[in-house]
């Protein structure tokens, strides 16, 4: 199955719930008027796009209908796709400009953080990069063992200590291993939640200081993993995490299992952070670099 077909299949629940009704509505219209906009607004709001994002979409669509004198369903469809693409923003790849580069991954338990790390590692390895994993989520039971299983499955090495170890000490060893082995990308699994927000912030700050000292000047990404099945709640969760550090990208998982994929339209608008990867299946190859154009196309076609 090609990339677009896999994406289209993975987004089928969102498409059938959100975008199929939109397409049906546009095909059935006889005139472009406020009644059409009201119906579109209702579909978007009930599809977890979010009230604020929906209002922005409808207001902009109303303006374009007036300015461009749009009168056909095809014109309105094209304008709607344009607006949604602009709202999501241009696609952004990971910035991996140094050797090694560092990718810190955070996210609460249950969102698919560990499997996302493995899938990203697998994707980078397929691009010819040498990848090293670091098990710095030492507080969650079995997190280290789970990451080891995925590392073995991907065929990449893992730096780990025992459960309950100091995460910063694991990162120290991983950073030095990355230097000595000529690693291209070091991916670090961090604790998604400690006893409270202050503990989490302190732990991430400690890890950051180790990286600053051991890998000065290294490109660094901090990816937040969110579960698409929670819809708008995922965005509220992201706002909490934004207080813990400089998040550079979102990994949106489980898009294949939800009709709430419309939340992606709100993420960039409300958070100012680009989506960099999306999960569209359970397989090791089912993590895709996010492409705005292909995403919108898969939802509308």
Protein backbone atom coordinates (compact mmCIF):
# COMPACT_ATOMS: atom_id res chain seq x y z
CA UNK A 1 0.00 0.00 0.00
CA UNK A 2 1.42 3.38 -1.02
CA UNK A 3 1.79 6.37 1.31
CA UNK A 4 -1.38 8.15 0.18
CA UNK A 5 -3.51 4.98 0.27
CA UNK A 6 -2.24 4.19 3.78
CA UNK A 7 -2.99 7.74 4.91
CA UNK A 8 -6.45 7.64 3.36
CA UNK A 9 -7.21 4.30 5.01
CA UNK A 10 -5.91 5.48 8.37
CA UNK A 11 -8.06 8.59 8.28
CA UNK A 12 -11.23 6.78 7.18
CA UNK A 13 -13.11 7.24 10.48
CA UNK A 14 -12.44 10.97 10.54
CA UNK A 15 -13.26 11.26 6.87
CA UNK A 16 -16.53 9.34 7.16
CA UNK A 17 -17.66 11.31 10.21
CA UNK A 18 -16.45 14.80 9.35
CA UNK A 19 -15.63 15.22 5.71
CA UNK A 20 -18.05 12.86 3.99
CA UNK A 21 -21.00 14.90 5.33
CA UNK A 22 -19.27 18.08 4.13
CA UNK A 23 -18.76 16.65 0.66
CA UNK A 24 -22.37 15.41 0.55
CA UNK A 25 -23.63 18.81 1.62
CA UNK A 26 -21.60 20.66 -1.01
CA UNK A 27 -22.69 18.31 -3.78
CA UNK A 28 -26.35 18.83 -2.87
CA UNK A 29 -26.34 22.63 -2.69
CA UNK A 30 -28.30 24.72 -5.14
CA UNK A 31 -27.06 28.08 -3.91
CA UNK A 32 -24.19 29.39 -1.82
CA UNK A 33 -25.80 31.25 1.08
CA UNK A 34 -25.91 31.60 4.88
CA UNK A 35 -27.93 28.39 5.21
CA UNK A 36 -25.02 26.49 3.66
CA UNK A 37 -22.55 28.14 6.03
CA UNK A 38 -24.77 27.34 9.01
CA UNK A 39 -24.89 23.67 8.04
CA UNK A 40 -21.14 23.56 7.50
CA UNK A 41 -20.59 25.17 10.88
CA UNK A 42 -22.78 22.57 12.60
CA UNK A 43 -20.89 19.67 10.97
CA UNK A 44 -17.50 21.07 11.99
CA UNK A 45 -18.47 21.84 15.59
CA UNK A 46 -19.95 18.37 16.12
CA UNK A 47 -16.82 16.79 14.61
CA UNK A 48 -14.35 17.93 17.27
CA UNK A 49 -12.79 20.60 15.08
CA UNK A 50 -13.38 22.98 17.97
CA UNK A 51 -15.66 26.01 18.31
CA UNK A 52 -12.97 28.67 17.83
CA UNK A 53 -11.39 26.93 14.84
CA UNK A 54 -14.82 26.36 13.29
CA UNK A 55 -15.76 30.03 13.66
CA UNK A 56 -12.50 31.05 12.04
CA UNK A 57 -13.03 28.64 9.13
CA UNK A 58 -16.60 29.80 8.52
CA UNK A 59 -15.74 33.52 8.79
CA UNK A 60 -12.88 33.13 6.32
CA UNK A 61 -15.02 31.05 3.97
CA UNK A 62 -17.77 33.68 4.09
CA UNK A 63 -15.21 36.36 3.19
CA UNK A 64 -13.81 34.38 0.27
CA UNK A 65 -17.27 33.59 -1.07
CA UNK A 66 -17.99 37.33 -1.11
CA UNK A 67 -14.60 38.49 -2.42
CA UNK A 68 -14.28 35.83 -5.12
CA UNK A 69 -18.00 35.63 -5.86
CA UNK A 70 -18.02 31.87 -5.44
CA UNK A 71 -21.22 30.30 -6.64
CA UNK A 72 -20.56 26.59 -7.21
CA UNK A 73 -19.98 23.66 -4.88
CA UNK A 74 -16.59 23.05 -6.53
CA UNK A 75 -15.48 26.61 -5.76
CA UNK A 76 -16.62 26.39 -2.14
CA UNK A 77 -14.95 22.99 -1.74
CA UNK A 78 -11.66 24.35 -3.08
CA UNK A 79 -11.85 27.42 -0.83
CA UNK A 80 -12.57 25.24 2.22
CA UNK A 81 -9.55 23.07 1.47
CA UNK A 82 -7.37 26.15 1.11
CA UNK A 83 -8.54 27.56 4.44
CA UNK A 84 -7.96 24.29 6.30
CA UNK A 85 -4.50 23.90 4.78
CA UNK A 86 -3.59 27.44 5.81
CA UNK A 87 -4.91 26.85 9.33
CA UNK A 88 -2.78 23.72 9.78
CA UNK A 89 0.24 25.48 8.31
CA UNK A 90 3.12 24.25 6.20
CA UNK A 91 4.65 20.87 6.95
CA UNK A 92 7.84 20.93 8.98
CA UNK A 93 10.34 18.09 9.19
CA UNK A 94 12.59 17.37 12.14
CA UNK A 95 15.63 19.64 12.25
CA UNK A 96 18.51 17.18 12.45
CA UNK A 97 21.40 19.35 11.32
CA UNK A 98 24.18 18.04 13.55
CA UNK A 99 25.79 14.70 14.28
CA UNK A 100 24.49 13.67 16.67
CA UNK A 101 21.13 15.41 16.77
CA UNK A 102 18.81 14.91 19.74
CA UNK A 103 15.08 14.17 19.86
CA UNK A 104 13.46 14.38 23.31
CA UNK A 105 10.03 12.73 23.49
CA UNK A 106 7.44 13.49 26.18
CA UNK A 107 3.83 12.49 26.73
CA UNK A 108 1.56 10.99 29.38
CA UNK A 109 1.15 7.24 29.80
CA UNK A 110 -1.21 5.65 27.33
CA UNK A 111 -0.80 8.07 24.41
CA UNK A 112 1.57 5.74 22.54
CA UNK A 113 4.82 7.48 23.46
CA UNK A 114 7.07 4.41 23.50
CA UNK A 115 5.69 2.94 20.29
CA UNK A 116 5.95 6.36 18.62
CA UNK A 117 9.63 6.51 19.53
CA UNK A 118 10.19 3.10 17.96
CA UNK A 119 8.29 4.04 14.81
CA UNK A 120 10.22 7.32 14.41
CA UNK A 121 13.47 5.42 14.95
CA UNK A 122 12.43 2.93 12.30
CA UNK A 123 11.55 5.73 9.87
CA UNK A 124 14.89 7.50 10.41
CA UNK A 125 16.78 4.23 10.06
CA UNK A 126 15.08 3.64 6.70
CA UNK A 127 16.44 7.04 5.63
CA UNK A 128 19.92 5.69 6.30
CA UNK A 129 20.45 7.33 9.67
CA UNK A 130 22.22 5.66 12.58
CA UNK A 131 19.81 5.86 15.52
CA UNK A 132 20.38 5.32 19.24
CA UNK A 133 17.59 5.14 21.82
CA UNK A 134 17.82 6.24 25.46
CA UNK A 135 15.45 4.85 28.13
CA UNK A 136 15.19 7.88 30.43
CA UNK A 137 11.62 7.12 31.51
CA UNK A 138 12.89 5.21 34.54
CA UNK A 139 9.85 5.83 36.77
CA UNK A 140 7.15 3.94 34.88
CA UNK A 141 6.98 0.22 35.52
CA UNK A 142 8.21 -1.83 32.54
CA UNK A 143 8.89 1.27 30.40
CA UNK A 144 12.51 0.21 29.93
CA UNK A 145 11.58 -3.37 29.00
CA UNK A 146 8.96 -2.12 26.55
CA UNK A 147 11.45 0.17 24.83
CA UNK A 148 14.00 -2.65 24.66
CA UNK A 149 11.49 -4.87 22.84
CA UNK A 150 10.84 -2.12 20.30
CA UNK A 151 14.55 -1.37 19.91
CA UNK A 152 15.19 -5.04 19.13
CA UNK A 153 12.32 -5.01 16.66
CA UNK A 154 13.74 -1.93 14.91
CA UNK A 155 17.32 -3.16 15.03
CA UNK A 156 18.67 -0.15 16.93
CA UNK A 157 20.70 0.05 20.15
CA UNK A 158 19.30 1.17 23.50
CA UNK A 159 21.12 2.82 26.40
CA UNK A 160 19.41 1.93 29.68
CA UNK A 161 19.88 1.67 33.43
CA UNK A 162 17.72 -0.12 35.96
CA UNK A 163 14.20 0.98 36.86
CA UNK A 164 14.23 3.89 39.30
CA UNK A 165 17.63 5.17 38.16
CA UNK A 166 18.37 8.87 37.74
CA UNK A 167 17.11 9.78 34.22
CA UNK A 168 19.82 12.41 33.80
CA UNK A 169 22.48 9.76 34.44
CA UNK A 170 21.02 7.61 31.65
CA UNK A 171 21.04 10.62 29.33
CA UNK A 172 24.67 11.31 30.25
CA UNK A 173 25.66 7.78 29.22
CA UNK A 174 23.54 7.95 26.05
CA UNK A 175 25.02 11.31 25.01
CA UNK A 176 28.55 9.98 25.36
CA UNK A 177 27.64 6.75 23.58
CA UNK A 178 26.16 8.80 20.72
CA UNK A 179 29.43 10.74 20.40
CA UNK A 180 31.69 7.71 20.52
CA UNK A 181 29.57 5.63 18.10
CA UNK A 182 29.10 8.33 15.48
CA UNK A 183 25.33 8.29 15.98
CA UNK A 184 23.21 10.48 13.71
CA UNK A 185 20.15 10.77 15.96
CA UNK A 186 19.75 10.15 19.69
CA UNK A 187 16.10 9.69 20.69
CA UNK A 188 15.37 10.04 24.40
CA UNK A 189 12.26 8.64 26.08
CA UNK A 190 11.43 10.86 29.07
CA UNK A 191 8.94 10.55 31.91
CA UNK A 192 5.57 11.90 30.85
CA UNK A 193 4.41 12.64 34.34
CA UNK A 194 6.09 12.56 37.73
CA UNK A 195 4.49 13.31 41.09
CA UNK A 196 3.64 16.84 40.07
CA UNK A 197 4.38 19.42 37.40
CA UNK A 198 7.33 20.87 39.31
CA UNK A 199 9.01 17.45 39.47
CA UNK A 200 8.52 17.01 35.74
CA UNK A 201 9.92 20.46 34.95
CA UNK A 202 12.90 19.88 37.24
CA UNK A 203 13.65 16.52 35.64
CA UNK A 204 13.46 17.87 32.09
CA UNK A 205 15.61 20.85 33.07
CA UNK A 206 18.21 18.48 34.53
CA UNK A 207 18.23 16.41 31.34
CA UNK A 208 18.57 19.59 29.30
CA UNK A 209 21.60 20.70 31.31
CA UNK A 210 23.28 17.33 30.73
CA UNK A 211 22.68 17.63 26.98
CA UNK A 212 23.95 21.23 26.94
CA UNK A 213 27.13 20.09 28.62
CA UNK A 214 27.73 16.81 26.79
CA UNK A 215 26.39 17.73 23.33
CA UNK A 216 26.84 21.50 23.03
CA UNK A 217 25.47 22.91 19.80
CA UNK A 218 23.57 19.73 18.90
CA UNK A 219 20.28 20.14 17.04
CA UNK A 220 17.49 19.38 19.47
CA UNK A 221 13.82 18.63 18.97
CA UNK A 222 11.29 18.17 21.78
CA UNK A 223 8.29 16.20 20.57
CA UNK A 224 5.03 15.95 22.51
CA UNK A 225 3.00 12.81 21.82
CA UNK A 226 -0.79 13.32 21.85
CA UNK A 227 -3.59 10.79 21.48
CA UNK A 228 -5.95 11.84 18.68
CA UNK A 229 -8.82 9.82 20.16
CA UNK A 230 -9.10 12.40 22.95
CA UNK A 231 -9.80 15.18 20.44
CA UNK A 232 -9.87 18.68 21.90
CA UNK A 233 -8.78 17.31 25.28
CA UNK A 234 -5.42 16.51 23.69
CA UNK A 235 -4.94 20.21 23.03
CA UNK A 236 -5.72 21.08 26.64
CA UNK A 237 -3.17 18.49 27.71
CA UNK A 238 -0.61 20.03 25.37
CA UNK A 239 -1.08 23.42 26.99
CA UNK A 240 -0.05 21.89 30.31
CA UNK A 241 3.08 20.41 28.81
CA UNK A 242 4.02 23.67 27.11
CA UNK A 243 4.84 25.01 30.56
CA UNK A 244 7.48 22.30 31.05
CA UNK A 245 9.73 23.14 28.12
CA UNK A 246 10.20 24.32 24.58
CA UNK A 247 8.10 21.87 22.56
CA UNK A 248 9.08 21.98 18.88
CA UNK A 249 6.65 19.49 17.40
CA UNK A 250 3.60 17.28 17.94
CA UNK A 251 3.28 13.56 17.28
CA UNK A 252 -0.42 12.76 16.87
CA UNK A 253 -1.12 9.06 17.41
CA UNK A 254 -4.10 6.74 16.85
CA UNK A 255 -5.62 8.74 14.00
CA UNK A 256 -6.72 5.44 12.48
CA UNK A 257 -8.86 4.65 15.53
CA UNK A 258 -10.86 7.84 15.87
CA UNK A 259 -13.37 10.12 14.22
CA UNK A 260 -11.82 13.04 16.09
CA UNK A 261 -9.00 13.73 13.65
CA UNK A 262 -10.54 17.13 13.09
CA UNK A 263 -8.66 18.26 16.20
CA UNK A 264 -5.57 18.61 14.02
CA UNK A 265 -7.14 21.77 12.59
CA UNK A 266 -6.95 23.37 16.04
CA UNK A 267 -3.49 22.28 17.10
CA UNK A 268 -1.36 24.77 15.17
CA UNK A 269 -3.87 27.57 15.69
CA UNK A 270 -4.17 27.14 19.46
CA UNK A 271 -0.67 25.93 20.29
CA UNK A 272 1.54 27.47 17.63
CA UNK A 273 3.34 24.13 17.34
CA UNK A 274 3.53 22.12 14.09
CA UNK A 275 2.45 18.50 13.80
CA UNK A 276 5.53 16.60 12.62
CA UNK A 277 4.38 12.97 12.70
CA UNK A 278 1.04 11.19 12.61
CA UNK A 279 0.23 7.61 13.55
CA UNK A 280 -2.18 5.91 11.15
CA UNK A 281 -1.92 2.27 12.27
CA UNK A 282 -0.38 -0.15 14.73
CA UNK A 283 2.43 -1.47 12.54
CA UNK A 284 6.08 -0.40 12.81
CA UNK A 285 5.76 1.40 9.45
CA UNK A 286 2.55 3.21 10.34
CA UNK A 287 4.12 6.47 11.52
CA UNK A 288 4.23 9.07 8.77
CA UNK A 289 5.89 12.46 8.48
CA UNK A 290 3.04 14.92 8.46
CA UNK A 291 2.29 16.50 5.10
CA UNK A 292 -0.44 19.13 5.15
CA UNK A 293 -1.36 18.81 1.48
CA UNK A 294 -1.59 15.02 1.55
CA UNK A 295 -3.55 15.11 4.80
CA UNK A 296 -6.22 17.46 3.43
CA UNK A 297 -6.34 15.53 0.16
CA UNK A 298 -6.87 12.22 2.02
CA UNK A 299 -9.79 13.72 3.93
CA UNK A 300 -11.57 15.23 0.93
CA UNK A 301 -10.97 12.61 -1.76
